Amino acid sequence: KQWLKDGLSSSSATWKIIVSTITSNYFARPGNIDHWGSFTFEANEMKNFIKNNGLEDSTIMISGDLHTGGAVDDGCANRWGIPELGVPHTNLGNGNADSLGEWSE
């Protein structure tokens, strides 16, 4: 975790992009452990770090593993409190459209 915190706080980039193999949407994949809801301590720690360091307006998350055509959230449903782009899955034939969560776009 520390390398991510160090990278975020020392970056001079306009946008800090966090890539995650799993979603951080509060409402996605209920009953499934494959999301940041399984790591609430770490998600809350990173949310607080981002907020306490004034990074919430310059940090976004790109996530996967929803098995959908993609989704966008403005940060209102993200456990880290930042905008999230859920990228399309490559094998949409195996999609799981019943547990997509709530997304702003």
PDB file of N, CA and C in Angstrom:
ATOM      1  N   LYS A   1       0.811  -1.195   0.000  1.00  0.00           N
ATOM      2  CA  LYS A   1       0.000   0.000   0.000  1.00  0.00           C
ATOM      3  C   LYS A   1       0.852   1.254   0.000  1.00  0.00           C
ATOM      4  N   GLN A   2       1.955   1.183   0.688  1.00  0.00           N
ATOM      5  CA  GLN A   2       2.769   2.391   0.830  1.00  0.00           C
ATOM      6  C   GLN A   2       3.290   2.883  -0.508  1.00  0.00           C
ATOM      7  N   TRP A   3       3.640   1.955  -1.416  1.00  0.00           N
ATOM      8  CA  TRP A   3       4.148   2.392  -2.722  1.00  0.00           C
ATOM      9  C   TRP A   3       3.076   3.165  -3.480  1.00  0.00           C
ATOM     10  N   LEU A   4       1.804   2.770  -3.333  1.00  0.00           N
ATOM     11  CA  LEU A   4       0.722   3.493  -3.991  1.00  0.00           C
ATOM     12  C   LEU A   4       0.547   4.874  -3.366  1.00  0.00           C
ATOM     13  N   LYS A   5       0.561   4.943  -2.060  1.00  0.00           N
ATOM     14  CA  LYS A   5       0.454   6.237  -1.379  1.00  0.00           C
ATOM     15  C   LYS A   5       1.613   7.149  -1.768  1.00  0.00           C
ATOM     16  N   ASP A   6       2.815   6.606  -1.771  1.00  0.00           N
ATOM     17  CA  ASP A   6       3.993   7.404  -2.150  1.00  0.00           C
ATOM     18  C   ASP A   6       3.874   7.905  -3.583  1.00  0.00           C
ATOM     19  N   GLY A   7       3.433   7.015  -4.470  1.00  0.00           N
ATOM     20  CA  GLY A   7       3.293   7.399  -5.870  1.00  0.00           C
ATOM     21  C   GLY A   7       2.245   8.477  -6.077  1.00  0.00           C
ATOM     22  N   LEU A   8       1.123   8.346  -5.394  1.00  0.00           N
ATOM     23  CA  LEU A   8       0.062   9.344  -5.518  1.00  0.00           C
ATOM     24  C   LEU A   8       0.495  10.696  -4.961  1.00  0.00           C
ATOM     25  N   SER A   9       1.094  10.685  -3.786  1.00  0.00           N
ATOM     26  CA  SER A   9       1.445  11.951  -3.131  1.00  0.00           C
ATOM     27  C   SER A   9       2.641  12.647  -3.783  1.00  0.00           C
ATOM     28  N   SER A  10       3.506  11.900  -4.429  1.00  0.00           N
ATOM     29  CA  SER A  10       4.679  12.525  -5.046  1.00  0.00           C
ATOM     30  C   SER A  10       4.484  12.836  -6.525  1.00  0.00           C
ATOM     31  N   SER A  11       3.391  12.384  -7.112  1.00  0.00           N
ATOM     32  CA  SER A  11       3.167  12.595  -8.537  1.00  0.00           C
ATOM     33  C   SER A  11       2.830  14.043  -8.847  1.00  0.00           C
ATOM     34  N   SER A  12       3.431  14.553  -9.902  1.00  0.00           N
ATOM     35  CA  SER A  12       3.107  15.895 -10.379  1.00  0.00           C
ATOM     36  C   SER A  12       2.148  15.838 -11.568  1.00  0.00           C
ATOM     37  N   ALA A  13       1.675  14.637 -11.898  1.00  0.00           N
ATOM     38  CA  ALA A  13       0.758  14.464 -13.023  1.00  0.00           C
ATOM     39  C   ALA A  13      -0.572  15.154 -12.737  1.00  0.00           C
ATOM     40  N   THR A  14      -1.179  15.683 -13.768  1.00  0.00           N
ATOM     41  CA  THR A  14      -2.490  16.312 -13.616  1.00  0.00           C
ATOM     42  C   THR A  14      -3.509  15.291 -13.136  1.00  0.00           C
ATOM     43  N   TRP A  15      -3.469  14.094 -13.713  1.00  0.00           N
ATOM     44  CA  TRP A  15      -4.387  13.009 -13.350  1.00  0.00           C
ATOM     45  C   TRP A  15      -3.610  11.838 -12.797  1.00  0.00           C
ATOM     46  N   LYS A  16      -4.048  11.339 -11.666  1.00  0.00           N
ATOM     47  CA  LYS A  16      -3.494  10.122 -11.075  1.00  0.00           C
ATOM     48  C   LYS A  16      -4.487   9.009 -11.380  1.00  0.00           C
ATOM     49  N   ILE A  17      -4.056   7.987 -12.077  1.00  0.00           N
ATOM     50  CA  ILE A  17      -4.947   6.913 -12.512  1.00  0.00           C
ATOM     51  C   ILE A  17      -4.582   5.638 -11.775  1.00  0.00           C
ATOM     52  N   ILE A  18      -5.559   5.103 -11.054  1.00  0.00           N
ATOM     53  CA  ILE A  18      -5.393   3.838 -10.341  1.00  0.00           C
ATOM     54  C   ILE A  18      -6.095   2.761 -11.150  1.00  0.00           C
ATOM     55  N   VAL A  19      -5.388   1.714 -11.514  1.00  0.00           N
ATOM     56  CA  VAL A  19      -5.968   0.607 -12.255  1.00  0.00           C
ATOM     57  C   VAL A  19      -6.177  -0.543 -11.287  1.00  0.00           C
ATOM     58  N   SER A  20      -7.412  -1.037 -11.252  1.00  0.00           N
ATOM     59  CA  SER A  20      -7.762  -2.126 -10.345  1.00  0.00           C
ATOM     60  C   SER A  20      -8.432  -3.248 -11.130  1.00  0.00           C
ATOM     61  N   THR A  21      -8.083  -4.462 -10.820  1.00  0.00           N
ATOM     62  CA  THR A  21      -8.705  -5.604 -11.500  1.00  0.00           C
ATOM     63  C   THR A  21     -10.115  -5.860 -11.007  1.00  0.00           C
ATOM     64  N   ILE A  22     -10.520  -5.209  -9.927  1.00  0.00           N
ATOM     65  CA  ILE A  22     -11.865  -5.383  -9.373  1.00  0.00           C
ATOM     66  C   ILE A  22     -12.521  -4.028  -9.150  1.00  0.00           C
ATOM     67  N   THR A  23     -13.843  -4.001  -9.137  1.00  0.00           N
ATOM     68  CA  THR A  23     -14.579  -2.750  -8.969  1.00  0.00           C
ATOM     69  C   THR A  23     -14.572  -2.290  -7.515  1.00  0.00           C
ATOM     70  N   SER A  24     -14.773  -0.985  -7.357  1.00  0.00           N
ATOM     71  CA  SER A  24     -14.900  -0.408  -6.029  1.00  0.00           C
ATOM     72  C   SER A  24     -16.296   0.161  -5.808  1.00  0.00           C
ATOM     73  N   ASN A  25     -17.218  -0.157  -6.702  1.00  0.00           N
ATOM     74  CA  ASN A  25     -18.595   0.308  -6.597  1.00  0.00           C
ATOM     75  C   ASN A  25     -19.272  -0.348  -5.399  1.00  0.00           C
ATOM     76  N   TYR A  26     -19.895   0.457  -4.544  1.00  0.00           N
ATOM     77  CA  TYR A  26     -20.547  -0.050  -3.331  1.00  0.00           C
ATOM     78  C   TYR A  26     -21.606  -1.110  -3.622  1.00  0.00           C
ATOM     79  N   PHE A  27     -22.268  -0.993  -4.760  1.00  0.00           N
ATOM     80  CA  PHE A  27     -23.447  -1.805  -5.004  1.00  0.00           C
ATOM     81  C   PHE A  27     -23.242  -2.945  -5.997  1.00  0.00           C
ATOM     82  N   ALA A  28     -22.073  -3.038  -6.605  1.00  0.00           N
ATOM     83  CA  ALA A  28     -21.829  -4.060  -7.615  1.00  0.00           C
ATOM     84  C   ALA A  28     -21.535  -5.416  -6.982  1.00  0.00           C
ATOM     85  N   ARG A  29     -21.998  -6.429  -7.608  1.00  0.00           N
ATOM     86  CA  ARG A  29     -21.696  -7.824  -7.289  1.00  0.00           C
ATOM     87  C   ARG A  29     -22.068  -8.228  -5.864  1.00  0.00           C
ATOM     88  N   PRO A  30     -23.294  -7.960  -5.421  1.00  0.00           N
ATOM     89  CA  PRO A  30     -23.687  -8.394  -4.069  1.00  0.00           C
ATOM     90  C   PRO A  30     -23.609  -9.913  -3.948  1.00  0.00           C
ATOM     91  N   GLY A  31     -23.142 -10.378  -2.810  1.00  0.00           N
ATOM     92  CA  GLY A  31     -22.991 -11.812  -2.594  1.00  0.00           C
ATOM     93  C   GLY A  31     -21.728 -12.397  -3.197  1.00  0.00           C
ATOM     94  N   ASN A  32     -20.930 -11.570  -3.840  1.00  0.00           N
ATOM     95  CA  ASN A  32     -19.689 -12.005  -4.469  1.00  0.00           C
ATOM     96  C   ASN A  32     -18.538 -11.324  -3.734  1.00  0.00           C
ATOM     97  N   ILE A  33     -17.446 -12.024  -3.533  1.00  0.00           N
ATOM     98  CA  ILE A  33     -16.316 -11.441  -2.793  1.00  0.00           C
ATOM     99  C   ILE A  33     -15.306 -10.743  -3.696  1.00  0.00           C
ATOM    100  N   ASP A  34     -15.537 -10.752  -4.995  1.00  0.00           N
ATOM    101  CA  ASP A  34     -14.565 -10.261  -5.960  1.00  0.00           C
ATOM    102  C   ASP A  34     -14.764  -8.774  -6.252  1.00  0.00           C
ATOM    103  N   HIS A  35     -14.593  -7.921  -5.228  1.00  0.00           N
ATOM    104  CA  HIS A  35     -14.693  -6.474  -5.344  1.00  0.00           C
ATOM    105  C   HIS A  35     -14.054  -5.856  -4.100  1.00  0.00           C
ATOM    106  N   TRP A  36     -13.915  -4.528  -4.084  1.00  0.00           N
ATOM    107  CA  TRP A  36     -13.257  -3.863  -2.958  1.00  0.00           C
ATOM    108  C   TRP A  36     -14.058  -3.943  -1.670  1.00  0.00           C
ATOM    109  N   GLY A  37     -15.323  -4.369  -1.732  1.00  0.00           N
ATOM    110  CA  GLY A  37     -16.118  -4.578  -0.525  1.00  0.00           C
ATOM    111  C   GLY A  37     -15.551  -5.680   0.351  1.00  0.00           C
ATOM    112  N   SER A  38     -14.724  -6.529  -0.220  1.00  0.00           N
ATOM    113  CA  SER A  38     -14.049  -7.580   0.550  1.00  0.00           C
ATOM    114  C   SER A  38     -12.814  -7.048   1.262  1.00  0.00           C
ATOM    115  N   PHE A  39     -12.450  -5.814   0.963  1.00  0.00           N
ATOM    116  CA  PHE A  39     -11.262  -5.188   1.540  1.00  0.00           C
ATOM    117  C   PHE A  39     -11.630  -3.810   2.096  1.00  0.00           C
ATOM    118  N   THR A  40     -12.640  -3.777   2.956  1.00  0.00           N
ATOM    119  CA  THR A  40     -13.176  -2.491   3.421  1.00  0.00           C
ATOM    120  C   THR A  40     -12.156  -1.680   4.217  1.00  0.00           C
ATOM    121  N   PHE A  41     -11.322  -2.331   5.017  1.00  0.00           N
ATOM    122  CA  PHE A  41     -10.315  -1.595   5.779  1.00  0.00           C
ATOM    123  C   PHE A  41      -9.383  -0.851   4.837  1.00  0.00           C
ATOM    124  N   GLU A  42      -8.873  -1.570   3.829  1.00  0.00           N
ATOM    125  CA  GLU A  42      -7.942  -0.969   2.874  1.00  0.00           C
ATOM    126  C   GLU A  42      -8.622   0.097   2.025  1.00  0.00           C
ATOM    127  N   ALA A  43      -9.867  -0.170   1.610  1.00  0.00           N
ATOM    128  CA  ALA A  43     -10.596   0.815   0.807  1.00  0.00           C
ATOM    129  C   ALA A  43     -10.819   2.100   1.607  1.00  0.00           C
ATOM    130  N   ASN A  44     -11.210   1.967   2.864  1.00  0.00           N
ATOM    131  CA  ASN A  44     -11.403   3.145   3.710  1.00  0.00           C
ATOM    132  C   ASN A  44     -10.087   3.875   3.961  1.00  0.00           C
ATOM    133  N   GLU A  45      -9.019   3.120   4.151  1.00  0.00           N
ATOM    134  CA  GLU A  45      -7.704   3.725   4.352  1.00  0.00           C
ATOM    135  C   GLU A  45      -7.298   4.558   3.138  1.00  0.00           C
ATOM    136  N   MET A  46      -7.506   4.002   1.938  1.00  0.00           N
ATOM    137  CA  MET A  46      -7.136   4.728   0.727  1.00  0.00           C
ATOM    138  C   MET A  46      -8.068   5.918   0.492  1.00  0.00           C
ATOM    139  N   LYS A  47      -9.345   5.773   0.788  1.00  0.00           N
ATOM    140  CA  LYS A  47     -10.285   6.890   0.657  1.00  0.00           C
ATOM    141  C   LYS A  47      -9.850   8.050   1.554  1.00  0.00           C
ATOM    142  N   ASN A  48      -9.513   7.738   2.806  1.00  0.00           N
ATOM    143  CA  ASN A  48      -9.067   8.777   3.738  1.00  0.00           C
ATOM    144  C   ASN A  48      -7.754   9.403   3.299  1.00  0.00           C
ATOM    145  N   PHE A  49      -6.832   8.583   2.794  1.00  0.00           N
ATOM    146  CA  PHE A  49      -5.546   9.094   2.324  1.00  0.00           C
ATOM    147  C   PHE A  49      -5.755  10.067   1.162  1.00  0.00           C
ATOM    148  N   ILE A  50      -6.557   9.664   0.207  1.00  0.00           N
ATOM    149  CA  ILE A  50      -6.813  10.509  -0.961  1.00  0.00           C
ATOM    150  C   ILE A  50      -7.456  11.823  -0.534  1.00  0.00           C
ATOM    151  N   LYS A  51      -8.449  11.755   0.337  1.00  0.00           N
ATOM    152  CA  LYS A  51      -9.131  12.969   0.802  1.00  0.00           C
ATOM    153  C   LYS A  51      -8.197  13.846   1.628  1.00  0.00           C
ATOM    154  N   ASN A  52      -7.474  13.254   2.577  1.00  0.00           N
ATOM    155  CA  ASN A  52      -6.590  14.025   3.465  1.00  0.00           C
ATOM    156  C   ASN A  52      -5.436  14.689   2.735  1.00  0.00           C
ATOM    157  N   ASN A  53      -5.094  14.169   1.554  1.00  0.00           N
ATOM    158  CA  ASN A  53      -4.002  14.739   0.770  1.00  0.00           C
ATOM    159  C   ASN A  53      -4.492  15.580  -0.404  1.00  0.00           C
ATOM    160  N   GLY A  54      -5.800  15.845  -0.437  1.00  0.00           N
ATOM    161  CA  GLY A  54      -6.359  16.698  -1.475  1.00  0.00           C
ATOM    162  C   GLY A  54      -6.261  16.138  -2.877  1.00  0.00           C
ATOM    163  N   LEU A  55      -6.323  14.818  -2.995  1.00  0.00           N
ATOM    164  CA  LEU A  55      -6.152  14.167  -4.289  1.00  0.00           C
ATOM    165  C   LEU A  55      -7.465  13.739  -4.937  1.00  0.00           C
ATOM    166  N   GLU A  56      -8.598  13.997  -4.281  1.00  0.00           N
ATOM    167  CA  GLU A  56      -9.868  13.486  -4.781  1.00  0.00           C
ATOM    168  C   GLU A  56     -10.291  14.117  -6.106  1.00  0.00           C
ATOM    169  N   ASP A  57      -9.814  15.307  -6.432  1.00  0.00           N
ATOM    170  CA  ASP A  57     -10.173  15.948  -7.698  1.00  0.00           C
ATOM    171  C   ASP A  57      -9.221  15.613  -8.832  1.00  0.00           C
ATOM    172  N   SER A  58      -8.150  14.874  -8.547  1.00  0.00           N
ATOM    173  CA  SER A  58      -7.179  14.549  -9.594  1.00  0.00           C
ATOM    174  C   SER A  58      -6.913  13.052  -9.716  1.00  0.00           C
ATOM    175  N   THR A  59      -7.690  12.229  -9.002  1.00  0.00           N
ATOM    176  CA  THR A  59      -7.464  10.781  -9.015  1.00  0.00           C
ATOM    177  C   THR A  59      -8.702  10.070  -9.519  1.00  0.00           C
ATOM    178  N   ILE A  60      -8.506   9.128 -10.448  1.00  0.00           N
ATOM    179  CA  ILE A  60      -9.603   8.309 -10.955  1.00  0.00           C
ATOM    180  C   ILE A  60      -9.205   6.845 -10.922  1.00  0.00           C
ATOM    181  N   MET A  61     -10.198   5.975 -10.928  1.00  0.00           N
ATOM    182  CA  MET A  61      -9.961   4.537 -10.931  1.00  0.00           C
ATOM    183  C   MET A  61     -10.492   3.939 -12.229  1.00  0.00           C
ATOM    184  N   ILE A  62      -9.694   3.083 -12.821  1.00  0.00           N
ATOM    185  CA  ILE A  62     -10.141   2.268 -13.945  1.00  0.00           C
ATOM    186  C   ILE A  62     -10.192   0.842 -13.429  1.00  0.00           C
ATOM    187  N   SER A  63     -11.361   0.226 -13.531  1.00  0.00           N
ATOM    188  CA  SER A  63     -11.537  -1.116 -12.968  1.00  0.00           C
ATOM    189  C   SER A  63     -12.085  -2.083 -14.007  1.00  0.00           C
ATOM    190  N   GLY A  64     -12.054  -3.333 -13.659  1.00  0.00           N
ATOM    191  CA  GLY A  64     -12.576  -4.375 -14.536  1.00  0.00           C
ATOM    192  C   GLY A  64     -13.369  -5.397 -13.748  1.00  0.00           C
ATOM    193  N   ASP A  65     -13.634  -6.506 -14.379  1.00  0.00           N
ATOM    194  CA  ASP A  65     -14.253  -7.677 -13.776  1.00  0.00           C
ATOM    195  C   ASP A  65     -15.748  -7.549 -13.516  1.00  0.00           C
ATOM    196  N   LEU A  66     -16.423  -6.611 -14.169  1.00  0.00           N
ATOM    197  CA  LEU A  66     -17.879  -6.566 -14.054  1.00  0.00           C
ATOM    198  C   LEU A  66     -18.553  -7.496 -15.060  1.00  0.00           C
ATOM    199  N   HIS A  67     -17.819  -7.935 -16.074  1.00  0.00           N
ATOM    200  CA  HIS A  67     -18.351  -8.801 -17.132  1.00  0.00           C
ATOM    201  C   HIS A  67     -19.503  -8.117 -17.859  1.00  0.00           C
ATOM    202  N   THR A  68     -19.301  -6.836 -18.194  1.00  0.00           N
ATOM    203  CA  THR A  68     -20.327  -6.048 -18.867  1.00  0.00           C
ATOM    204  C   THR A  68     -19.714  -5.250 -19.997  1.00  0.00           C
ATOM    205  N   GLY A  69     -20.509  -4.371 -20.545  1.00  0.00           N
ATOM    206  CA  GLY A  69     -20.030  -3.466 -21.579  1.00  0.00           C
ATOM    207  C   GLY A  69     -19.365  -2.233 -21.017  1.00  0.00           C
ATOM    208  N   GLY A  70     -19.251  -2.136 -19.698  1.00  0.00           N
ATOM    209  CA  GLY A  70     -18.592  -0.996 -19.060  1.00  0.00           C
ATOM    210  C   GLY A  70     -19.567  -0.127 -18.300  1.00  0.00           C
ATOM    211  N   ALA A  71     -19.047   0.731 -17.442  1.00  0.00           N
ATOM    212  CA  ALA A  71     -19.859   1.631 -16.635  1.00  0.00           C
ATOM    213  C   ALA A  71     -18.998   2.798 -16.163  1.00  0.00           C
ATOM    214  N   VAL A  72     -19.657   3.909 -15.810  1.00  0.00           N
ATOM    215  CA  VAL A  72     -18.969   5.103 -15.322  1.00  0.00           C
ATOM    216  C   VAL A  72     -19.653   5.570 -14.048  1.00  0.00           C
ATOM    217  N   ASP A  73     -18.855   5.966 -13.062  1.00  0.00           N
ATOM    218  CA  ASP A  73     -19.398   6.534 -11.833  1.00  0.00           C
ATOM    219  C   ASP A  73     -18.624   7.809 -11.506  1.00  0.00           C
ATOM    220  N   ASP A  74     -19.326   8.825 -11.063  1.00  0.00           N
ATOM    221  CA  ASP A  74     -18.683  10.101 -10.763  1.00  0.00           C
ATOM    222  C   ASP A  74     -18.027  10.139  -9.385  1.00  0.00           C
ATOM    223  N   GLY A  75     -18.037   9.035  -8.686  1.00  0.00           N
ATOM    224  CA  GLY A  75     -17.422   8.949  -7.366  1.00  0.00           C
ATOM    225  C   GLY A  75     -18.431   8.752  -6.258  1.00  0.00           C
ATOM    226  N   CYS A  76     -19.716   8.953  -6.556  1.00  0.00           N
ATOM    227  CA  CYS A  76     -20.738   8.843  -5.507  1.00  0.00           C
ATOM    228  C   CYS A  76     -20.949   7.407  -5.039  1.00  0.00           C
ATOM    229  N   ALA A  77     -20.593   6.418  -5.844  1.00  0.00           N
ATOM    230  CA  ALA A  77     -20.784   5.020  -5.456  1.00  0.00           C
ATOM    231  C   ALA A  77     -19.456   4.272  -5.334  1.00  0.00           C
ATOM    232  N   ASN A  78     -18.339   4.998  -5.318  1.00  0.00           N
ATOM    233  CA  ASN A  78     -17.025   4.378  -5.256  1.00  0.00           C
ATOM    234  C   ASN A  78     -16.514   4.359  -3.820  1.00  0.00           C
ATOM    235  N   ARG A  79     -16.071   3.201  -3.357  1.00  0.00           N
ATOM    236  CA  ARG A  79     -15.584   3.041  -1.982  1.00  0.00           C
ATOM    237  C   ARG A  79     -14.381   3.927  -1.676  1.00  0.00           C
ATOM    238  N   TRP A  80     -13.643   4.343  -2.690  1.00  0.00           N
ATOM    239  CA  TRP A  80     -12.485   5.208  -2.489  1.00  0.00           C
ATOM    240  C   TRP A  80     -12.859   6.678  -2.607  1.00  0.00           C
ATOM    241  N   GLY A  81     -14.110   6.966  -2.988  1.00  0.00           N
ATOM    242  CA  GLY A  81     -14.572   8.343  -3.111  1.00  0.00           C
ATOM    243  C   GLY A  81     -14.060   9.064  -4.341  1.00  0.00           C
ATOM    244  N   ILE A  82     -13.700   8.311  -5.383  1.00  0.00           N
ATOM    245  CA  ILE A  82     -13.168   8.908  -6.608  1.00  0.00           C
ATOM    246  C   ILE A  82     -13.952   8.378  -7.810  1.00  0.00           C
ATOM    247  N   PRO A  83     -13.927   9.093  -8.933  1.00  0.00           N
ATOM    248  CA  PRO A  83     -14.598   8.591 -10.133  1.00  0.00           C
ATOM    249  C   PRO A  83     -14.019   7.241 -10.561  1.00  0.00           C
ATOM    250  N   GLU A  84     -14.899   6.411 -11.134  1.00  0.00           N
ATOM    251  CA  GLU A  84     -14.487   5.071 -11.565  1.00  0.00           C
ATOM    252  C   GLU A  84     -15.023   4.785 -12.957  1.00  0.00           C
ATOM    253  N   LEU A  85     -14.160   4.264 -13.796  1.00  0.00           N
ATOM    254  CA  LEU A  85     -14.533   3.792 -15.122  1.00  0.00           C
ATOM    255  C   LEU A  85     -14.384   2.278 -15.120  1.00  0.00           C
ATOM    256  N   GLY A  86     -15.502   1.565 -15.240  1.00  0.00           N
ATOM    257  CA  GLY A  86     -15.467   0.111 -15.362  1.00  0.00           C
ATOM    258  C   GLY A  86     -15.345  -0.234 -16.834  1.00  0.00           C
ATOM    259  N   VAL A  87     -14.236  -0.823 -17.222  1.00  0.00           N
ATOM    260  CA  VAL A  87     -13.987  -1.092 -18.639  1.00  0.00           C
ATOM    261  C   VAL A  87     -14.712  -2.354 -19.099  1.00  0.00           C
ATOM    262  N   PRO A  88     -15.060  -2.408 -20.391  1.00  0.00           N
ATOM    263  CA  PRO A  88     -15.759  -3.580 -20.910  1.00  0.00           C
ATOM    264  C   PRO A  88     -14.930  -4.848 -20.752  1.00  0.00           C
ATOM    265  N   HIS A  89     -15.617  -5.913 -20.511  1.00  0.00           N
ATOM    266  CA  HIS A  89     -14.982  -7.229 -20.391  1.00  0.00           C
ATOM    267  C   HIS A  89     -14.836  -7.835 -21.769  1.00  0.00           C
ATOM    268  N   THR A  90     -13.820  -8.631 -21.977  1.00  0.00           N
ATOM    269  CA  THR A  90     -13.559  -9.180 -23.306  1.00  0.00           C
ATOM    270  C   THR A  90     -14.468 -10.343 -23.673  1.00  0.00           C
ATOM    271  N   ASN A  91     -15.002 -11.053 -22.701  1.00  0.00           N
ATOM    272  CA  ASN A  91     -15.863 -12.197 -23.028  1.00  0.00           C
ATOM    273  C   ASN A  91     -17.298 -11.911 -22.592  1.00  0.00           C
ATOM    274  N   LEU A  92     -17.931 -10.971 -23.294  1.00  0.00           N
ATOM    275  CA  LEU A  92     -19.268 -10.540 -22.909  1.00  0.00           C
ATOM    276  C   LEU A  92     -20.293 -11.668 -22.978  1.00  0.00           C
ATOM    277  N   GLY A  93     -19.994 -12.741 -23.664  1.00  0.00           N
ATOM    278  CA  GLY A  93     -20.899 -13.890 -23.699  1.00  0.00           C
ATOM    279  C   GLY A  93     -21.083 -14.517 -22.332  1.00  0.00           C
ATOM    280  N   ASN A  94     -20.155 -14.267 -21.428  1.00  0.00           N
ATOM    281  CA  ASN A  94     -20.234 -14.795 -20.075  1.00  0.00           C
ATOM    282  C   ASN A  94     -20.615 -13.702 -19.083  1.00  0.00           C
ATOM    283  N   GLY A  95     -21.348 -12.707 -19.525  1.00  0.00           N
ATOM    284  CA  GLY A  95     -21.683 -11.565 -18.686  1.00  0.00           C
ATOM    285  C   GLY A  95     -22.562 -11.915 -17.506  1.00  0.00           C
ATOM    286  N   ASN A  96     -22.525 -11.040 -16.500  1.00  0.00           N
ATOM    287  CA  ASN A  96     -23.328 -11.200 -15.290  1.00  0.00           C
ATOM    288  C   ASN A  96     -24.084  -9.894 -15.084  1.00  0.00           C
ATOM    289  N   ALA A  97     -25.162  -9.708 -15.840  1.00  0.00           N
ATOM    290  CA  ALA A  97     -25.870  -8.439 -15.847  1.00  0.00           C
ATOM    291  C   ALA A  97     -26.785  -8.250 -14.635  1.00  0.00           C
ATOM    292  N   ASP A  98     -26.859  -9.212 -13.740  1.00  0.00           N
ATOM    293  CA  ASP A  98     -27.741  -9.101 -12.599  1.00  0.00           C
ATOM    294  C   ASP A  98     -27.127  -8.338 -11.431  1.00  0.00           C
ATOM    295  N   SER A  99     -25.843  -8.068 -11.444  1.00  0.00           N
ATOM    296  CA  SER A  99     -25.206  -7.462 -10.274  1.00  0.00           C
ATOM    297  C   SER A  99     -24.258  -6.345 -10.653  1.00  0.00           C
ATOM    298  N   LEU A 100     -24.714  -5.439 -11.486  1.00  0.00           N
ATOM    299  CA  LEU A 100     -23.847  -4.376 -11.996  1.00  0.00           C
ATOM    300  C   LEU A 100     -23.640  -3.240 -11.009  1.00  0.00           C
ATOM    301  N   GLY A 101     -24.547  -3.048 -10.063  1.00  0.00           N
ATOM    302  CA  GLY A 101     -24.444  -1.957  -9.112  1.00  0.00           C
ATOM    303  C   GLY A 101     -25.137  -0.716  -9.623  1.00  0.00           C
ATOM    304  N   GLU A 102     -24.908   0.399  -8.940  1.00  0.00           N
ATOM    305  CA  GLU A 102     -25.482   1.686  -9.323  1.00  0.00           C
ATOM    306  C   GLU A 102     -24.359   2.582  -9.806  1.00  0.00           C
ATOM    307  N   TRP A 103     -24.495   3.103 -11.000  1.00  0.00           N
ATOM    308  CA  TRP A 103     -23.470   3.926 -11.623  1.00  0.00           C
ATOM    309  C   TRP A 103     -24.099   5.240 -12.051  1.00  0.00           C
ATOM    310  N   SER A 104     -23.359   6.315 -12.010  1.00  0.00           N
ATOM    311  CA  SER A 104     -23.916   7.621 -12.341  1.00  0.00           C
ATOM    312  C   SER A 104     -24.119   7.816 -13.833  1.00  0.00           C
ATOM    313  N   GLU A 105     -23.407   7.107 -14.655  1.00  0.00           N
ATOM    314  CA  GLU A 105     -23.543   7.235 -16.115  1.00  0.00           C
ATOM    315  C   GLU A 105     -23.822   5.890 -16.738  1.00  0.00           C
TER     316      GLU A 105
END
